Amino acid sequence: MAKNPAARLPLIEIVRGKIEETAEKYEPFRLVSRSGIIAGKVMAWGVVVHRYESENKKFCELTLDDFTETISVRAFLEKVEMLSGFSVGDIVRVLGKPREKDNEIFLVPDSIKRISVQEELVQRLENAMSLMQANRKRESEKIEKSKEKKTRGKKVEVEKNFVE
């Protein structure tokens, strides 16, 4: 079985998407982004704006902001160590699995690393391009639907005139 690459998405695409269950053994959940991209893993970046670690060190959560939306990155048990070196203000890239609890989508990290300001700028440009493409796609779909409605109405009129 070939591995699916992670989808590089702005946080708004992840957070406003939806999680679906699959029949796959190794990928039981997948994200359907707001623009329709389907992914079992995502790569996202953001600035750490909040950090929480439980007293017993069995849970850690980072909140990331990429200027389109915010998302939680949650680590449990042995993965808590992965988030321990990060603090508010760090710019990070996360590779993780999207999950959902109480109608909130979050990421469970497979890897996380600090990135430079230059890399952040590249990520912002990629996000902007991705959002523009998604908006264009949505607009063209709206136009197509509008054309279909107008066409259906004309067909009905033609059929009525033909019958009479």
C-alpha atoms as a PDB file:
ATOM      1  CA  MET A   1       0.000   0.000   0.000  1.00  0.00           C
ATOM      2  CA  ALA A   2       1.477   3.365  -1.053  1.00  0.00           C
ATOM      3  CA  LYS A   3       1.678   6.110   1.517  1.00  0.00           C
ATOM      4  CA  ASN A   4      -0.400   9.185   0.837  1.00  0.00           C
ATOM      5  CA  PRO A   5       1.525  12.438   1.127  1.00  0.00           C
ATOM      6  CA  ALA A   6       0.386  15.020   3.620  1.00  0.00           C
ATOM      7  CA  ALA A   7      -1.719  17.859   2.259  1.00  0.00           C
ATOM      8  CA  ARG A   8      -0.220  21.297   2.861  1.00  0.00           C
ATOM      9  CA  LEU A   9      -3.154  23.398   3.939  1.00  0.00           C
ATOM     10  CA  PRO A  10      -3.859  26.757   5.560  1.00  0.00           C
ATOM     11  CA  LEU A  11      -5.462  26.315   8.978  1.00  0.00           C
ATOM     12  CA  ILE A  12      -8.767  27.743   7.763  1.00  0.00           C
ATOM     13  CA  GLU A  13      -9.048  24.836   5.289  1.00  0.00           C
ATOM     14  CA  ILE A  14      -8.504  22.340   8.116  1.00  0.00           C
ATOM     15  CA  VAL A  15     -10.632  23.952  10.822  1.00  0.00           C
ATOM     16  CA  ARG A  16     -13.602  24.591   8.525  1.00  0.00           C
ATOM     17  CA  GLY A  17     -13.403  21.135   6.987  1.00  0.00           C
ATOM     18  CA  LYS A  18     -14.948  17.963   8.327  1.00  0.00           C
ATOM     19  CA  ILE A  19     -13.605  14.660   9.623  1.00  0.00           C
ATOM     20  CA  GLU A  20     -14.899  11.435   8.089  1.00  0.00           C
ATOM     21  CA  GLU A  21     -14.426   7.860   9.262  1.00  0.00           C
ATOM     22  CA  THR A  22     -12.952   5.446   6.725  1.00  0.00           C
ATOM     23  CA  ALA A  23     -12.716   1.678   6.450  1.00  0.00           C
ATOM     24  CA  GLU A  24      -8.927   1.932   6.238  1.00  0.00           C
ATOM     25  CA  LYS A  25      -7.006   0.103   8.958  1.00  0.00           C
ATOM     26  CA  TYR A  26      -4.040   2.490   9.025  1.00  0.00           C
ATOM     27  CA  GLU A  27      -5.984   5.669   8.338  1.00  0.00           C
ATOM     28  CA  PRO A  28      -9.334   5.397  10.164  1.00  0.00           C
ATOM     29  CA  PHE A  29     -10.125   9.102   9.791  1.00  0.00           C
ATOM     30  CA  ARG A  30      -9.594  11.649   7.064  1.00  0.00           C
ATOM     31  CA  LEU A  31     -10.140  15.340   6.616  1.00  0.00           C
ATOM     32  CA  VAL A  32     -12.268  16.765   3.837  1.00  0.00           C
ATOM     33  CA  SER A  33     -11.108  20.374   3.679  1.00  0.00           C
ATOM     34  CA  ARG A  34     -13.482  23.229   3.028  1.00  0.00           C
ATOM     35  CA  SER A  35     -12.322  23.265  -0.621  1.00  0.00           C
ATOM     36  CA  GLY A  36     -12.748  19.490  -0.973  1.00  0.00           C
ATOM     37  CA  ILE A  37      -9.171  18.264  -0.520  1.00  0.00           C
ATOM     38  CA  ILE A  38      -9.127  14.845   1.156  1.00  0.00           C
ATOM     39  CA  ALA A  39      -6.225  13.981   3.463  1.00  0.00           C
ATOM     40  CA  GLY A  40      -5.376  11.576   6.255  1.00  0.00           C
ATOM     41  CA  LYS A  41      -2.380  13.715   7.219  1.00  0.00           C
ATOM     42  CA  VAL A  42      -1.803  17.425   6.905  1.00  0.00           C
ATOM     43  CA  MET A  43       1.166  19.739   7.045  1.00  0.00           C
ATOM     44  CA  ALA A  44       0.475  23.149   8.508  1.00  0.00           C
ATOM     45  CA  TRP A  45       2.409  25.967  10.087  1.00  0.00           C
ATOM     46  CA  GLY A  46       1.700  28.664  12.607  1.00  0.00           C
ATOM     47  CA  VAL A  47       2.887  30.847  15.417  1.00  0.00           C
ATOM     48  CA  VAL A  48       2.443  29.318  18.870  1.00  0.00           C
ATOM     49  CA  VAL A  49      -0.009  31.656  20.620  1.00  0.00           C
ATOM     50  CA  HIS A  50      -0.855  29.467  23.630  1.00  0.00           C
ATOM     51  CA  ARG A  51       0.730  26.523  25.432  1.00  0.00           C
ATOM     52  CA  TYR A  52      -0.683  24.204  28.100  1.00  0.00           C
ATOM     53  CA  GLU A  53       0.887  21.177  29.764  1.00  0.00           C
ATOM     54  CA  SER A  54      -0.838  19.107  32.439  1.00  0.00           C
ATOM     55  CA  GLU A  55       0.841  18.755  35.828  1.00  0.00           C
ATOM     56  CA  ASN A  56       1.221  14.996  35.390  1.00  0.00           C
ATOM     57  CA  LYS A  57       2.906  15.572  31.972  1.00  0.00           C
ATOM     58  CA  LYS A  58       0.461  13.270  30.161  1.00  0.00           C
ATOM     59  CA  PHE A  59      -1.107  15.956  27.978  1.00  0.00           C
ATOM     60  CA  CYS A  60       0.256  18.987  26.154  1.00  0.00           C
ATOM     61  CA  GLU A  61      -1.494  21.404  23.820  1.00  0.00           C
ATOM     62  CA  LEU A  62      -0.176  24.154  21.579  1.00  0.00           C
ATOM     63  CA  THR A  63      -2.473  26.624  19.834  1.00  0.00           C
ATOM     64  CA  LEU A  64      -1.186  27.720  16.436  1.00  0.00           C
ATOM     65  CA  ASP A  65      -2.222  30.790  14.425  1.00  0.00           C
ATOM     66  CA  ASP A  66      -1.335  31.157  10.736  1.00  0.00           C
ATOM     67  CA  PHE A  67      -3.316  34.417  10.291  1.00  0.00           C
ATOM     68  CA  THR A  68      -6.196  32.571   8.604  1.00  0.00           C
ATOM     69  CA  GLU A  69      -7.405  30.618  11.666  1.00  0.00           C
ATOM     70  CA  THR A  70      -6.175  28.938  14.865  1.00  0.00           C
ATOM     71  CA  ILE A  71      -5.908  25.232  15.664  1.00  0.00           C
ATOM     72  CA  SER A  72      -4.886  23.082  18.627  1.00  0.00           C
ATOM     73  CA  VAL A  73      -2.047  20.599  18.379  1.00  0.00           C
ATOM     74  CA  ARG A  74      -2.604  17.976  21.083  1.00  0.00           C
ATOM     75  CA  ALA A  75      -0.143  15.391  22.318  1.00  0.00           C
ATOM     76  CA  PHE A  76      -0.942  12.577  24.717  1.00  0.00           C
ATOM     77  CA  LEU A  77       1.267  10.295  26.817  1.00  0.00           C
ATOM     78  CA  GLU A  78       4.523   9.457  24.993  1.00  0.00           C
ATOM     79  CA  LYS A  79       4.051  12.227  22.395  1.00  0.00           C
ATOM     80  CA  VAL A  80       3.995  14.979  25.058  1.00  0.00           C
ATOM     81  CA  GLU A  81       7.798  15.104  24.899  1.00  0.00           C
ATOM     82  CA  MET A  82       7.518  16.118  21.225  1.00  0.00           C
ATOM     83  CA  LEU A  83       5.873  19.436  22.214  1.00  0.00           C
ATOM     84  CA  SER A  84       7.953  20.155  25.299  1.00  0.00           C
ATOM     85  CA  GLY A  85      10.558  22.371  23.623  1.00  0.00           C
ATOM     86  CA  PHE A  86       8.116  24.882  22.152  1.00  0.00           C
ATOM     87  CA  SER A  87       6.774  28.064  23.675  1.00  0.00           C
ATOM     88  CA  VAL A  88       4.601  31.055  22.820  1.00  0.00           C
ATOM     89  CA  GLY A  89       6.093  33.035  19.929  1.00  0.00           C
ATOM     90  CA  ASP A  90       7.800  30.092  18.198  1.00  0.00           C
ATOM     91  CA  ILE A  91       7.005  29.594  14.518  1.00  0.00           C
ATOM     92  CA  VAL A  92       6.480  25.891  13.808  1.00  0.00           C
ATOM     93  CA  ARG A  93       5.583  23.451  11.053  1.00  0.00           C
ATOM     94  CA  VAL A  94       3.485  20.447  12.081  1.00  0.00           C
ATOM     95  CA  LEU A  95       2.902  17.177  10.290  1.00  0.00           C
ATOM     96  CA  GLY A  96      -0.074  15.523  11.893  1.00  0.00           C
ATOM     97  CA  LYS A  97      -3.341  13.673  11.772  1.00  0.00           C
ATOM     98  CA  PRO A  98      -6.545  15.703  11.894  1.00  0.00           C
ATOM     99  CA  ARG A  99      -9.010  14.560  14.544  1.00  0.00           C
ATOM    100  CA  GLU A 100     -12.240  15.886  15.992  1.00  0.00           C
ATOM    101  CA  LYS A 101     -13.713  16.049  19.480  1.00  0.00           C
ATOM    102  CA  ASP A 102     -16.770  18.037  20.580  1.00  0.00           C
ATOM    103  CA  ASN A 103     -17.083  19.535  17.058  1.00  0.00           C
ATOM    104  CA  GLU A 104     -13.529  20.918  17.198  1.00  0.00           C
ATOM    105  CA  ILE A 105     -10.892  19.786  14.729  1.00  0.00           C
ATOM    106  CA  PHE A 106      -7.362  19.502  16.112  1.00  0.00           C
ATOM    107  CA  LEU A 107      -4.056  17.918  15.069  1.00  0.00           C
ATOM    108  CA  VAL A 108      -2.241  14.984  16.668  1.00  0.00           C
ATOM    109  CA  PRO A 109       1.407  15.581  15.725  1.00  0.00           C
ATOM    110  CA  ASP A 110       3.678  13.057  14.022  1.00  0.00           C
ATOM    111  CA  SER A 111       6.441  15.656  13.864  1.00  0.00           C
ATOM    112  CA  ILE A 112       6.912  19.315  14.673  1.00  0.00           C
ATOM    113  CA  LYS A 113       9.822  21.639  14.027  1.00  0.00           C
ATOM    114  CA  ARG A 114      10.696  25.272  14.463  1.00  0.00           C
ATOM    115  CA  ILE A 115      10.944  27.239  11.203  1.00  0.00           C
ATOM    116  CA  SER A 116      12.620  30.524  10.331  1.00  0.00           C
ATOM    117  CA  VAL A 117      10.898  33.808   9.557  1.00  0.00           C
ATOM    118  CA  GLN A 118      11.872  33.344   5.890  1.00  0.00           C
ATOM    119  CA  GLU A 119      10.177  29.930   5.815  1.00  0.00           C
ATOM    120  CA  GLU A 120       7.134  31.503   7.471  1.00  0.00           C
ATOM    121  CA  LEU A 121       6.916  34.076   4.666  1.00  0.00           C
ATOM    122  CA  VAL A 122       7.038  31.292   2.065  1.00  0.00           C
ATOM    123  CA  GLN A 123       4.279  29.465   3.962  1.00  0.00           C
ATOM    124  CA  ARG A 124       2.153  32.647   4.026  1.00  0.00           C
ATOM    125  CA  LEU A 125       2.531  33.020   0.263  1.00  0.00           C
ATOM    126  CA  GLU A 126       1.585  29.361  -0.262  1.00  0.00           C
ATOM    127  CA  ASN A 127      -1.465  29.850   1.982  1.00  0.00           C
ATOM    128  CA  ALA A 128      -2.519  32.929   0.030  1.00  0.00           C
ATOM    129  CA  MET A 129      -2.170  31.094  -3.291  1.00  0.00           C
ATOM    130  CA  SER A 130      -4.063  28.082  -1.948  1.00  0.00           C
ATOM    131  CA  LEU A 131      -6.906  30.278  -0.683  1.00  0.00           C
ATOM    132  CA  MET A 132      -7.113  32.145  -4.002  1.00  0.00           C
ATOM    133  CA  GLN A 133      -7.341  28.849  -5.903  1.00  0.00           C
ATOM    134  CA  ALA A 134     -10.020  27.539  -3.528  1.00  0.00           C
ATOM    135  CA  ASN A 135     -12.013  30.769  -3.917  1.00  0.00           C
ATOM    136  CA  ARG A 136     -11.752  30.600  -7.715  1.00  0.00           C
ATOM    137  CA  LYS A 137     -12.935  26.994  -7.651  1.00  0.00           C
ATOM    138  CA  ARG A 138     -15.932  27.868  -5.438  1.00  0.00           C
ATOM    139  CA  GLU A 139     -16.850  30.825  -7.666  1.00  0.00           C
ATOM    140  CA  SER A 140     -16.679  28.747 -10.857  1.00  0.00           C
ATOM    141  CA  GLU A 141     -18.849  26.057  -9.204  1.00  0.00           C
ATOM    142  CA  LYS A 142     -21.414  28.725  -8.266  1.00  0.00           C
ATOM    143  CA  ILE A 143     -21.443  30.015 -11.840  1.00  0.00           C
ATOM    144  CA  GLU A 144     -21.906  26.470 -13.205  1.00  0.00           C
ATOM    145  CA  LYS A 145     -24.786  25.799 -10.808  1.00  0.00           C
ATOM    146  CA  SER A 146     -26.384  29.093 -11.782  1.00  0.00           C
ATOM    147  CA  LYS A 147     -26.087  28.194 -15.485  1.00  0.00           C
ATOM    148  CA  GLU A 148     -27.592  24.758 -14.815  1.00  0.00           C
ATOM    149  CA  LYS A 149     -30.599  26.294 -13.043  1.00  0.00           C
ATOM    150  CA  LYS A 150     -31.198  28.734 -15.897  1.00  0.00           C
ATOM    151  CA  THR A 151     -30.840  25.928 -18.461  1.00  0.00           C
ATOM    152  CA  ARG A 152     -33.267  23.656 -16.581  1.00  0.00           C
ATOM    153  CA  GLY A 153     -35.865  26.441 -16.514  1.00  0.00           C
ATOM    154  CA  LYS A 154     -35.537  26.961 -20.296  1.00  0.00           C
ATOM    155  CA  LYS A 155     -35.890  23.216 -20.968  1.00  0.00           C
ATOM    156  CA  VAL A 156     -39.121  23.133 -18.993  1.00  0.00           C
ATOM    157  CA  GLU A 157     -40.479  26.121 -20.962  1.00  0.00           C
ATOM    158  CA  VAL A 158     -39.488  24.512 -24.264  1.00  0.00           C
ATOM    159  CA  GLU A 159     -41.122  21.224 -23.255  1.00  0.00           C
ATOM    160  CA  LYS A 160     -44.360  23.042 -22.260  1.00  0.00           C
ATOM    161  CA  ASN A 161     -44.425  24.928 -25.576  1.00  0.00           C
ATOM    162  CA  PHE A 162     -43.754  21.735 -27.521  1.00  0.00           C
ATOM    163  CA  VAL A 163     -46.580  19.847 -25.773  1.00  0.00           C
ATOM    164  CA  GLU A 164     -49.095  22.662 -26.409  1.00  0.00           C
END
